[in-house]
Amino acid sequence: MAEPDDNTVQPTVDKPRKRLTGVLAILVLTLGAGVAGTILSPRLMAMAPSLSKSPPSSESKAEAEPRATMDFAPLVIDVKDAQQISRHVRIGISVEVPDSLTREEFKNLVPRGREAAIAYLRAKSFEFLTDSASFEKVSSELNARITQAMGHEHALRVLITDYVSQ
């Protein structure tokens, strides 16, 4: 058997201490990366190019830009259900308008838009109006009827902002 050489030095580092140092180093690096990400992400996101691969068309670009809106007073419509019982539907409507339209001009056009909305909604059944599959059709039809009644140059788009039924 060979005797241990007195000239060789045995490492005396404790394994638990070495493991603790490694865990602390990883923890510090992770926290540092989190703090750096929190601080730098708004700047980096602002500098990042758009994620869309094709430039937006002029139509989609116009839809994405917020426009001035003016609101109708909420409409409460009585409609019949399948058992011919009168039920209530309350709907809030906002209209996107051109910047050149004044509040006074809009106020004069509101009765036309309200009449178009009421006429359309009263002709529908309660089940149709409350069916989630019908909402897109109701929205597009209200948009078409109200913009036609108020004039396409005055009402650019109709938004349903409130929709409650009982």
Foldseek 3Di string as FASTA:
>chain_A
DDDDDPPDDDDDDDPVVVVVVVVVVVVVVVVVVVVCCVVCVVVVVVVDDDPDPDDDDPVVVVVPDDADKDWDDKDWAWEAAPVRDTKIKIWIKIFGFHPPDDPVLVVVQRVQLVVQLRVVVRVDHPCLLPDPVNPVVNQVSSQVRNCVRSDCNGGVGMDTDDIDID
